[in-house]
């Protein structure tokens, strides 16, 4: 008798005598489950994504992470493009920001509900290829068709498709890397995605000034078309999907057609997919305290960068920067992102210490960056708030730029550490857990730029930034709560326990750590 995701009993039909096909299973590196009703991976199976060669993992993860970097940069690139396109279309600045930035993020929000569950049930590779190809088409529509309707359709659908790298990459990383290795991969993914947020406005303003705003999207179309071709070279990484292929080979070779793969992702019909798959992120958000808190904190930190795409340039123009150079302080945020490398080194030391002592590694053991990042985010925002005009005019711009370094560091710690925490807590369903985060993150990121100008001009940059700093200060109480009570919360979570059960039943990590 098997167990479904919802905890219900699942009666499986009996199969033929397993001894007749044991040699075939050994050849494919597979084995029967203890109850003999289905087939699972054997430990160390080379075909399992966790045990692929290093070169294969580097190509696959490197490509999808670069895809996320680029689509994220195109998302924030809409800010400076909107400022120039509004004159062509004769619309106001707020409407232009909504059409070029917020609309894309709203599309990403809806995509974040559908695609993670789809990738878990039906695999990742085809989803990456089809979505990236279509993304290229919709960018081309925005860049070529001289119509506001084309902008609306193109930006929304491009955003909708961008949810795949923005969310599913977390699941792909979990597919291929164990808990120890994920520390670096989740960090790399987070830093690259956040780098895209910061580099997007810089890329956009220089392309727009040198050519025009339409070339931002034309170039995006060309780059993503190239990526689409390269994606044909990746392999399917969802373990359950790969296992289904392997068991199909065993069925064909053995002639026993009743053999079943152990597949916790199986969705027997459309209604089951809709009920469990599409609504799973929403269910997680409202029923899992960890997911709820991670979503809230990650969303605010992430949306802060989108707010800065509108708030920072006017501040630095008031300090004497030109319109083009006023986007360069985003480089300070990039420096902050890179500085997280020091925290990851310490994470590795902590993991090694627990391993040497024989202590099982818990997700809470890797929250150091979050514990440091929360007070640094608050401190960085307070620092920034009172080193800029109009109330402070006698301080060099480098002082406020230094505060942006701290903010960049903290934003990346929130993103990478909390994403890793979800991956470790919900394992094979990391993409759905992160979809709940993305749902709130996309909606907040869509809204923040719309009121950024009014907020910073109406209240003054100092007061507006101080309000953000006050909210960030409240976040400082969360890391100690996670560190102290996180394990207890997870132990009471049916979904987290089920994820751990699935992991143990399918565990093939040679290192086991």
Protein backbone atom coordinates (compact mmCIF):
# COMPACT_ATOMS: atom_id res chain seq x y z
CA UNK A 1 0.00 0.00 0.00
CA UNK A 2 1.39 3.41 -1.00
CA UNK A 3 0.77 6.85 0.46
CA UNK A 4 -0.48 9.83 -1.51
CA UNK A 5 0.55 13.43 -0.99
CA UNK A 6 -2.62 14.01 1.03
CA UNK A 7 -1.88 11.09 3.34
CA UNK A 8 -4.53 8.77 1.86
CA UNK A 9 -3.93 5.08 1.20
CA UNK A 10 -3.24 4.15 -2.39
CA UNK A 11 -3.94 0.53 -3.33
CA UNK A 12 -1.60 -0.59 -6.11
CA UNK A 13 -2.18 -3.72 -8.19
CA UNK A 14 0.17 -6.65 -7.54
CA UNK A 15 2.97 -7.23 -10.04
CA UNK A 16 4.68 -10.34 -11.38
CA UNK A 17 7.33 -12.18 -9.38
CA UNK A 18 10.07 -9.53 -8.87
CA UNK A 19 12.82 -12.17 -9.04
CA UNK A 20 12.19 -12.59 -12.77
CA UNK A 21 13.30 -9.05 -13.56
CA UNK A 22 15.88 -8.48 -10.84
CA UNK A 23 18.74 -8.68 -13.33
CA UNK A 24 17.12 -6.04 -15.52
CA UNK A 25 16.57 -3.77 -12.52
CA UNK A 26 20.20 -4.20 -11.50
CA UNK A 27 21.27 -3.25 -15.01
CA UNK A 28 19.27 -0.01 -14.83
CA UNK A 29 20.24 0.74 -11.22
CA UNK A 30 16.69 0.39 -9.95
CA UNK A 31 15.03 -1.57 -7.15
CA UNK A 32 11.63 -2.49 -5.80
CA UNK A 33 10.21 -0.54 -2.91
CA UNK A 34 10.06 -2.52 0.37
CA UNK A 35 6.41 -3.43 -0.28
CA UNK A 36 7.29 -4.71 -3.74
CA UNK A 37 4.55 -2.72 -5.42
CA UNK A 38 6.60 -0.18 -7.38
CA UNK A 39 10.11 0.62 -8.58
CA UNK A 40 12.43 3.32 -7.27
CA UNK A 41 15.99 4.51 -7.76
CA UNK A 42 18.86 2.54 -6.23
CA UNK A 43 21.39 4.49 -4.20
CA UNK A 44 24.11 5.93 -6.41
CA UNK A 45 22.24 5.43 -9.70
CA UNK A 46 24.21 7.41 -12.30
CA UNK A 47 21.05 8.28 -14.23
CA UNK A 48 19.50 10.09 -11.28
CA UNK A 49 20.02 13.87 -11.68
CA UNK A 50 21.76 14.04 -8.29
CA UNK A 51 24.48 11.75 -9.66
CA UNK A 52 25.02 13.29 -13.09
CA UNK A 53 28.53 14.30 -14.11
CA UNK A 54 29.82 17.69 -13.03
CA UNK A 55 30.01 18.93 -16.62
CA UNK A 56 26.38 18.00 -17.25
CA UNK A 57 25.23 19.80 -14.11
CA UNK A 58 27.30 22.89 -14.93
CA UNK A 59 25.80 23.18 -18.41
CA UNK A 60 22.20 22.64 -17.32
CA UNK A 61 22.20 24.78 -14.20
CA UNK A 62 24.41 27.45 -15.76
CA UNK A 63 22.07 27.88 -18.70
CA UNK A 64 18.83 28.11 -16.73
CA UNK A 65 20.42 30.45 -14.19
CA UNK A 66 21.64 32.72 -17.00
CA UNK A 67 18.11 32.62 -18.44
CA UNK A 68 16.78 33.87 -15.10
CA UNK A 69 19.47 36.60 -15.00
CA UNK A 70 18.50 37.89 -18.42
CA UNK A 71 14.71 37.74 -18.08
CA UNK A 72 14.98 39.46 -14.68
CA UNK A 73 17.10 42.24 -16.17
CA UNK A 74 14.52 42.71 -18.95
CA UNK A 75 11.87 43.01 -16.26
CA UNK A 76 13.53 45.98 -14.54
CA UNK A 77 14.69 47.36 -17.89
CA UNK A 78 11.07 48.35 -18.45
CA UNK A 79 11.48 51.25 -16.03
CA UNK A 80 13.74 53.48 -18.16
CA UNK A 81 12.07 52.25 -21.36
CA UNK A 82 8.72 53.40 -19.95
CA UNK A 83 10.05 56.89 -19.28
CA UNK A 84 10.93 57.30 -22.97
CA UNK A 85 8.03 55.36 -24.50
CA UNK A 86 5.38 57.42 -22.68
CA UNK A 87 6.19 60.43 -24.87
CA UNK A 88 5.72 58.34 -28.01
CA UNK A 89 2.36 57.00 -26.85
CA UNK A 90 1.20 60.19 -25.12
CA UNK A 91 0.51 58.58 -21.73
CA UNK A 92 1.34 59.56 -18.15
CA UNK A 93 4.36 58.29 -16.26
CA UNK A 94 2.41 56.11 -13.81
CA UNK A 95 0.49 54.40 -16.62
CA UNK A 96 3.73 53.86 -18.54
CA UNK A 97 5.35 52.23 -15.48
CA UNK A 98 2.30 50.01 -15.08
CA UNK A 99 2.40 48.88 -18.72
CA UNK A 100 6.15 48.33 -18.97
CA UNK A 101 6.95 47.07 -15.45
CA UNK A 102 3.91 46.17 -13.35
CA UNK A 103 2.06 44.37 -16.13
CA UNK A 104 5.04 42.07 -16.66
CA UNK A 105 5.16 41.26 -12.96
CA UNK A 106 1.43 40.59 -12.81
CA UNK A 107 1.90 38.15 -15.67
CA UNK A 108 4.72 36.53 -13.73
CA UNK A 109 2.42 36.23 -10.72
CA UNK A 110 -0.14 34.23 -12.71
CA UNK A 111 2.58 32.13 -14.32
CA UNK A 112 3.92 31.39 -10.86
CA UNK A 113 0.66 29.64 -9.98
CA UNK A 114 0.65 27.33 -13.00
CA UNK A 115 4.20 26.49 -14.05
CA UNK A 116 5.80 25.06 -10.87
CA UNK A 117 3.08 22.44 -10.48
CA UNK A 118 3.24 21.71 -14.20
CA UNK A 119 7.00 21.17 -14.06
CA UNK A 120 6.66 18.85 -11.07
CA UNK A 121 3.95 16.76 -12.70
CA UNK A 122 5.18 16.72 -16.32
CA UNK A 123 8.86 17.64 -16.25
CA UNK A 124 11.04 20.71 -16.68
CA UNK A 125 12.90 20.54 -20.02
CA UNK A 126 10.03 21.07 -22.47
CA UNK A 127 8.69 23.85 -20.28
CA UNK A 128 12.01 25.71 -20.42
CA UNK A 129 12.28 25.35 -24.20
CA UNK A 130 8.73 26.33 -25.12
CA UNK A 131 8.49 29.21 -22.67
CA UNK A 132 11.84 30.75 -23.67
CA UNK A 133 10.98 30.52 -27.36
CA UNK A 134 7.64 32.23 -26.81
CA UNK A 135 9.28 34.80 -24.53
CA UNK A 136 11.52 35.77 -27.45
CA UNK A 137 8.48 36.17 -29.71
CA UNK A 138 6.63 38.46 -27.29
CA UNK A 139 9.72 40.61 -26.72
CA UNK A 140 9.98 40.98 -30.48
CA UNK A 141 6.33 42.07 -30.65
CA UNK A 142 6.99 44.84 -28.10
CA UNK A 143 10.12 45.90 -29.96
CA UNK A 144 8.64 46.01 -33.46
CA UNK A 145 4.87 46.57 -33.47
CA UNK A 146 4.12 50.34 -33.14
CA UNK A 147 1.07 49.92 -30.95
CA UNK A 148 0.24 50.31 -27.28
CA UNK A 149 -1.84 47.12 -27.53
CA UNK A 150 1.32 45.26 -28.59
CA UNK A 151 3.10 46.55 -25.47
CA UNK A 152 0.23 45.38 -23.26
CA UNK A 153 0.04 41.91 -24.78
CA UNK A 154 3.79 41.47 -25.15
CA UNK A 155 4.78 42.62 -21.66
CA UNK A 156 2.05 40.64 -19.88
CA UNK A 157 2.72 37.37 -21.72
CA UNK A 158 6.50 37.78 -21.53
CA UNK A 159 6.10 38.26 -17.78
CA UNK A 160 3.81 35.24 -17.61
CA UNK A 161 6.48 33.09 -19.27
CA UNK A 162 9.32 34.56 -17.18
CA UNK A 163 7.80 32.87 -14.14
CA UNK A 164 9.42 29.63 -15.31
CA UNK A 165 13.07 30.58 -14.77
CA UNK A 166 12.10 32.83 -11.85
CA UNK A 167 10.52 29.92 -9.96
CA UNK A 168 11.28 26.56 -11.54
CA UNK A 169 15.08 27.06 -11.37
CA UNK A 170 14.82 26.46 -7.61
CA UNK A 171 13.22 23.10 -8.30
CA UNK A 172 15.85 22.24 -10.93
CA UNK A 173 18.62 22.95 -8.43
CA UNK A 174 16.91 20.73 -5.86
CA UNK A 175 16.63 18.00 -8.51
CA UNK A 176 20.38 17.92 -9.13
CA UNK A 177 22.09 18.86 -5.87
CA UNK A 178 22.01 17.58 -2.30
CA UNK A 179 21.68 19.74 0.79
CA UNK A 180 25.38 20.53 1.07
CA UNK A 181 25.87 21.51 -2.57
CA UNK A 182 22.62 23.48 -2.71
CA UNK A 183 24.11 26.11 -0.40
CA UNK A 184 26.32 27.35 -3.23
CA UNK A 185 23.90 26.77 -6.08
CA UNK A 186 20.99 28.55 -4.41
CA UNK A 187 23.38 31.39 -3.56
CA UNK A 188 24.60 31.58 -7.16
CA UNK A 189 21.04 31.55 -8.48
CA UNK A 190 19.91 34.25 -6.04
CA UNK A 191 22.90 36.48 -6.66
CA UNK A 192 22.55 36.19 -10.43
CA UNK A 193 18.81 36.89 -10.38
CA UNK A 194 19.26 39.87 -8.08
CA UNK A 195 22.15 41.04 -10.23
CA UNK A 196 19.68 41.08 -13.08
CA UNK A 197 17.40 43.35 -11.05
CA UNK A 198 20.22 45.83 -10.53
CA UNK A 199 21.76 45.62 -14.02
CA UNK A 200 18.46 45.88 -15.90
CA UNK A 201 18.00 49.64 -15.44
CA UNK A 202 21.65 50.32 -16.37
CA UNK A 203 21.41 48.15 -19.50
CA UNK A 204 18.11 49.74 -20.48
CA UNK A 205 19.13 53.38 -20.11
CA UNK A 206 22.30 52.98 -22.18
CA UNK A 207 20.51 51.07 -24.95
CA UNK A 208 17.66 53.58 -24.93
CA UNK A 209 19.96 56.61 -25.12
CA UNK A 210 22.24 55.06 -27.76
CA UNK A 211 19.48 53.59 -29.94
CA UNK A 212 15.90 53.84 -28.65
CA UNK A 213 13.67 52.08 -26.16
CA UNK A 214 12.43 49.48 -28.69
CA UNK A 215 15.96 48.09 -29.04
CA UNK A 216 15.83 46.96 -25.40
CA UNK A 217 13.21 44.41 -26.39
CA UNK A 218 14.68 43.61 -29.79
CA UNK A 219 17.98 42.66 -28.15
CA UNK A 220 16.06 40.68 -25.54
CA UNK A 221 14.32 38.74 -28.32
CA UNK A 222 17.63 37.84 -30.00
CA UNK A 223 19.33 36.73 -26.77
CA UNK A 224 16.41 34.56 -25.62
CA UNK A 225 16.14 33.02 -29.10
CA UNK A 226 19.77 31.90 -28.76
CA UNK A 227 19.09 30.56 -25.27
CA UNK A 228 16.12 28.60 -26.65
CA UNK A 229 18.41 26.77 -29.06
CA UNK A 230 20.91 26.02 -26.28
CA UNK A 231 18.13 24.65 -24.04
CA UNK A 232 17.71 21.70 -26.41
CA UNK A 233 21.02 20.52 -24.98
CA UNK A 234 19.84 20.17 -21.38
CA UNK A 235 18.39 16.96 -19.91
CA UNK A 236 15.14 16.41 -18.07
CA UNK A 237 15.99 16.81 -14.37
CA UNK A 238 12.74 16.02 -12.54
CA UNK A 239 13.63 12.66 -10.88
CA UNK A 240 10.10 11.28 -11.08
CA UNK A 241 9.89 12.09 -14.80
CA UNK A 242 13.28 10.49 -15.48
CA UNK A 243 12.29 7.44 -13.41
CA UNK A 244 9.12 7.01 -15.47
CA UNK A 245 11.29 6.85 -18.60
CA UNK A 246 13.61 4.30 -17.00
CA UNK A 247 10.75 2.08 -15.82
CA UNK A 248 9.18 2.26 -19.28
CA UNK A 249 12.42 0.75 -20.64
CA UNK A 250 12.25 -2.00 -18.02
CA UNK A 251 8.63 -2.74 -18.95
CA UNK A 252 9.57 -3.04 -22.61
CA UNK A 253 12.61 -5.22 -21.95
CA UNK A 254 10.92 -7.49 -19.42
CA UNK A 255 7.55 -7.67 -21.13
CA UNK A 256 5.86 -7.01 -17.77
CA UNK A 257 3.50 -4.12 -18.36
CA UNK A 258 2.20 -3.84 -14.79
CA UNK A 259 5.46 -2.41 -13.42
CA UNK A 260 4.95 1.02 -11.87
CA UNK A 261 7.42 3.75 -11.02
CA UNK A 262 7.31 5.27 -7.56
CA UNK A 263 6.00 8.68 -8.57
CA UNK A 264 4.81 11.08 -5.86
CA UNK A 265 4.18 13.68 -8.60
CA UNK A 266 1.63 11.57 -10.46
CA UNK A 267 -1.59 13.38 -11.35
CA UNK A 268 -4.07 10.86 -12.78
CA UNK A 269 -6.43 13.42 -14.26
CA UNK A 270 -6.89 17.12 -14.94
CA UNK A 271 -9.04 17.73 -11.88
CA UNK A 272 -6.39 16.23 -9.61
CA UNK A 273 -3.76 18.44 -11.24
CA UNK A 274 -5.92 21.54 -10.73
CA UNK A 275 -6.88 20.62 -7.17
CA UNK A 276 -3.44 19.61 -5.94
CA UNK A 277 -1.06 21.21 -8.42
CA UNK A 278 -2.35 24.66 -9.27
CA UNK A 279 -3.69 25.47 -5.83
CA UNK A 280 -0.75 23.98 -3.95
CA UNK A 281 1.23 27.26 -3.78
CA UNK A 282 -1.82 29.10 -2.44
CA UNK A 283 -2.46 26.28 0.03
CA UNK A 284 1.14 26.43 1.21
CA UNK A 285 1.02 30.19 1.64
CA UNK A 286 -2.04 30.12 3.89
CA UNK A 287 -1.39 26.88 5.80
CA UNK A 288 2.38 26.73 6.24
CA UNK A 289 3.75 29.36 8.68
CA UNK A 290 7.28 28.99 7.29
CA UNK A 291 6.14 29.62 3.72
CA UNK A 292 4.03 32.58 4.83
CA UNK A 293 6.87 34.30 6.70
CA UNK A 294 9.45 33.54 4.01
CA UNK A 295 7.11 34.93 1.37
CA UNK A 296 6.47 38.15 3.28
CA UNK A 297 10.11 38.92 3.98
CA UNK A 298 11.50 37.82 0.64
CA UNK A 299 8.80 39.75 -1.23
CA UNK A 300 9.47 43.04 0.55
CA UNK A 301 13.25 42.76 0.05
CA UNK A 302 12.85 41.83 -3.61
CA UNK A 303 10.24 44.52 -4.35
CA UNK A 304 12.55 47.09 -2.78
CA UNK A 305 14.81 46.88 -5.84
CA UNK A 306 11.86 47.56 -8.14
CA UNK A 307 10.96 50.56 -6.00
CA UNK A 308 14.55 51.80 -6.30
CA UNK A 309 14.35 51.70 -10.11
CA UNK A 310 12.00 54.69 -9.80
CA UNK A 311 13.30 56.26 -6.57
CA UNK A 312 17.09 56.23 -7.01
CA UNK A 313 17.61 58.10 -10.30
CA UNK A 314 15.87 61.35 -9.17
CA UNK A 315 17.84 61.29 -5.91
CA UNK A 316 21.18 61.10 -7.71
CA UNK A 317 20.11 63.62 -10.35
CA UNK A 318 19.62 66.02 -7.42
CA UNK A 319 23.24 65.28 -6.45
CA UNK A 320 24.47 66.39 -9.87
CA UNK A 321 24.36 63.14 -11.85
CA UNK A 322 23.17 63.14 -15.47
CA UNK A 323 20.02 61.20 -16.39
CA UNK A 324 22.11 58.34 -17.76
CA UNK A 325 24.67 58.19 -14.95
CA UNK A 326 21.95 58.41 -12.28
CA UNK A 327 21.37 54.67 -12.82
CA UNK A 328 25.00 53.79 -12.03
CA UNK A 329 24.48 53.63 -8.22
CA UNK A 330 22.82 50.28 -8.90
CA UNK A 331 26.39 49.04 -9.26
CA UNK A 332 26.74 49.55 -5.49
CA UNK A 333 23.86 47.12 -4.99
CA UNK A 334 25.70 44.63 -7.21
CA UNK A 335 28.81 44.95 -5.03
CA UNK A 336 26.66 44.16 -2.02
CA UNK A 337 25.28 41.09 -3.74
CA UNK A 338 28.77 39.73 -4.36
CA UNK A 339 29.85 40.29 -0.75
CA UNK A 340 27.52 37.46 0.30
CA UNK A 341 30.33 35.11 -0.75
CA UNK A 342 31.85 35.58 2.71
CA UNK A 343 28.68 34.36 4.40
CA UNK A 344 28.53 31.28 2.14
CA UNK A 345 32.08 30.36 3.17
CA UNK A 346 30.97 30.46 6.79
CA UNK A 347 27.92 28.35 5.91
CA UNK A 348 30.23 25.66 4.52
CA UNK A 349 32.27 25.72 7.73
CA UNK A 350 29.11 25.26 9.80
CA UNK A 351 27.96 22.36 7.63
CA UNK A 352 31.39 20.72 7.87
CA UNK A 353 31.39 21.10 11.66
CA UNK A 354 28.06 19.33 12.02
CA UNK A 355 29.19 16.60 9.64
CA UNK A 356 32.39 15.98 11.63
CA UNK A 357 30.38 15.80 14.85
CA UNK A 358 27.88 13.42 13.29
CA UNK A 359 24.99 15.82 13.89
CA UNK A 360 22.20 15.63 11.28
CA UNK A 361 22.06 18.83 9.26
CA UNK A 362 18.82 20.76 9.77
CA UNK A 363 17.54 23.62 7.57
CA UNK A 364 17.84 25.96 10.57
CA UNK A 365 21.59 25.37 10.67
CA UNK A 366 21.95 27.41 7.47
CA UNK A 367 20.15 30.59 8.54
CA UNK A 368 23.28 32.56 9.42
CA UNK A 369 23.00 34.89 6.41
CA UNK A 370 19.37 35.63 7.21
CA UNK A 371 20.23 36.42 10.83
CA UNK A 372 22.94 38.84 9.68
CA UNK A 373 21.02 40.24 6.72
CA UNK A 374 17.94 41.39 8.64
CA UNK A 375 19.70 43.97 10.84
CA UNK A 376 21.99 44.99 7.97
CA UNK A 377 18.97 45.72 5.76
CA UNK A 378 17.46 47.91 8.47
CA UNK A 379 20.78 49.63 9.16
CA UNK A 380 21.47 50.17 5.47
CA UNK A 381 18.07 51.78 4.90
CA UNK A 382 18.45 54.10 7.93
CA UNK A 383 21.93 55.02 6.71
CA UNK A 384 20.66 55.73 3.20
CA UNK A 385 17.65 57.71 4.46
CA UNK A 386 19.79 60.30 6.21
CA UNK A 387 22.69 60.71 3.80
CA UNK A 388 20.66 61.99 0.81
CA UNK A 389 18.91 65.24 -0.19
CA UNK A 390 16.76 67.18 0.36
CA UNK A 391 17.31 67.32 4.14
CA UNK A 392 20.97 66.31 3.95
CA UNK A 393 22.96 68.16 1.28
CA UNK A 394 26.54 68.32 2.51
CA UNK A 395 27.45 64.62 2.29
CA UNK A 396 29.26 63.06 -0.68
CA UNK A 397 27.24 60.67 -2.84
CA UNK A 398 29.66 57.85 -2.06
CA UNK A 399 28.33 57.75 1.52
CA UNK A 400 24.81 56.91 0.42
CA UNK A 401 26.20 54.52 -2.20
CA UNK A 402 27.94 52.64 0.63
CA UNK A 403 24.52 52.17 2.23
CA UNK A 404 23.32 50.64 -1.05
CA UNK A 405 26.11 48.08 -0.75
CA UNK A 406 24.68 47.00 2.61
CA UNK A 407 21.17 46.88 1.17
CA UNK A 408 22.37 44.77 -1.76
CA UNK A 409 24.04 42.33 0.62
CA UNK A 410 20.91 42.01 2.74
CA UNK A 411 18.54 41.57 -0.20
CA UNK A 412 20.66 38.72 -1.52
CA UNK A 413 20.85 37.05 1.90
CA UNK A 414 17.09 37.19 2.21
CA UNK A 415 16.67 35.69 -1.23
CA UNK A 416 19.35 32.98 -1.21
CA UNK A 417 19.05 31.87 2.43
CA UNK A 418 15.26 31.82 2.51
CA UNK A 419 15.06 30.07 -0.87
CA UNK A 420 17.52 27.48 0.44
CA UNK A 421 15.47 27.13 3.61
CA UNK A 422 12.37 26.35 1.56
CA UNK A 423 14.31 23.90 -0.63
CA UNK A 424 15.60 22.07 2.45
CA UNK A 425 12.22 22.09 4.20
CA UNK A 426 10.03 21.07 1.26
CA UNK A 427 12.62 19.24 -0.86
CA UNK A 428 11.02 17.74 -3.98
CA UNK A 429 8.27 20.34 -3.89
CA UNK A 430 10.61 23.29 -3.55
CA UNK A 431 9.30 24.83 -6.77
CA UNK A 432 5.73 24.89 -5.44
CA UNK A 433 6.91 26.27 -2.11
CA UNK A 434 8.83 28.98 -3.90
CA UNK A 435 5.83 29.67 -6.14
CA UNK A 436 3.99 30.87 -3.06
CA UNK A 437 6.87 33.25 -2.41
CA UNK A 438 6.88 34.38 -6.02
CA UNK A 439 3.14 35.01 -5.95
CA UNK A 440 3.52 37.64 -3.25
CA UNK A 441 6.87 38.86 -4.53
CA UNK A 442 5.55 39.55 -8.03
CA UNK A 443 2.45 41.34 -6.75
CA UNK A 444 4.48 43.56 -4.40
CA UNK A 445 7.09 44.25 -7.08
CA UNK A 446 4.29 45.27 -9.44
CA UNK A 447 2.83 47.72 -6.93
CA UNK A 448 5.97 49.29 -5.39
CA UNK A 449 7.17 51.19 -8.51
CA UNK A 450 3.70 52.70 -9.00
CA UNK A 451 3.82 54.69 -5.77
CA UNK A 452 7.60 55.16 -5.53
CA UNK A 453 7.69 58.55 -7.28
CA UNK A 454 4.72 59.96 -5.39
CA UNK A 455 6.04 58.61 -2.09
CA UNK A 456 9.57 59.99 -2.44
CA UNK A 457 8.46 63.31 -3.94
CA UNK A 458 5.46 63.83 -1.69
CA UNK A 459 7.06 62.88 1.65
CA UNK A 460 10.62 63.73 0.70
CA UNK A 461 13.27 61.11 0.09
CA UNK A 462 14.48 61.15 3.69
CA UNK A 463 11.09 60.45 5.26
CA UNK A 464 10.11 57.93 2.58
CA UNK A 465 13.32 55.95 3.03
CA UNK A 466 12.86 56.13 6.81
CA UNK A 467 9.45 54.45 6.50
CA UNK A 468 11.08 51.61 4.59
CA UNK A 469 13.78 51.39 7.26
CA UNK A 470 11.17 51.18 10.02
CA UNK A 471 9.51 48.20 8.33
CA UNK A 472 12.89 46.54 7.86
CA UNK A 473 13.63 47.02 11.57
CA UNK A 474 10.54 44.97 12.43
CA UNK A 475 11.96 42.10 10.38
CA UNK A 476 14.85 41.72 12.81
CA UNK A 477 12.70 39.68 15.21
CA UNK A 478 12.03 36.94 12.63
CA UNK A 479 15.46 35.21 12.32
CA UNK A 480 15.62 34.27 16.03
CA UNK A 481 12.11 32.83 15.78
CA UNK A 482 13.09 30.68 12.81
CA UNK A 483 16.29 29.51 14.50
CA UNK A 484 14.53 28.56 17.71
CA UNK A 485 11.15 27.29 16.55
CA UNK A 486 11.67 26.35 12.88
CA UNK A 487 12.20 22.63 13.51
CA UNK A 488 9.17 22.47 15.78
CA UNK A 489 7.01 24.14 13.12
CA UNK A 490 8.24 21.77 10.43
CA UNK A 491 7.56 18.74 12.64
CA UNK A 492 3.91 19.77 12.80
CA UNK A 493 3.62 20.32 9.06
CA UNK A 494 1.99 17.44 7.18
CA UNK A 495 3.41 18.69 3.91
CA UNK A 496 6.98 19.02 5.19
CA UNK A 497 6.83 15.53 6.70
CA UNK A 498 5.49 14.12 3.45
CA UNK A 499 8.28 15.79 1.49
CA UNK A 500 10.84 14.24 3.83
CA UNK A 501 9.22 10.83 3.40
CA UNK A 502 9.36 11.11 -0.40
CA UNK A 503 13.01 12.16 -0.19
CA UNK A 504 13.91 9.16 1.95
CA UNK A 505 12.05 6.75 -0.31
CA UNK A 506 13.82 8.11 -3.37
CA UNK A 507 17.14 9.08 -1.77
CA UNK A 508 20.10 8.36 -4.02
CA UNK A 509 22.69 10.82 -2.66
CA UNK A 510 26.02 9.05 -2.44
CA UNK A 511 27.18 11.48 0.22
CA UNK A 512 23.82 11.57 1.94
CA UNK A 513 24.38 15.08 3.20
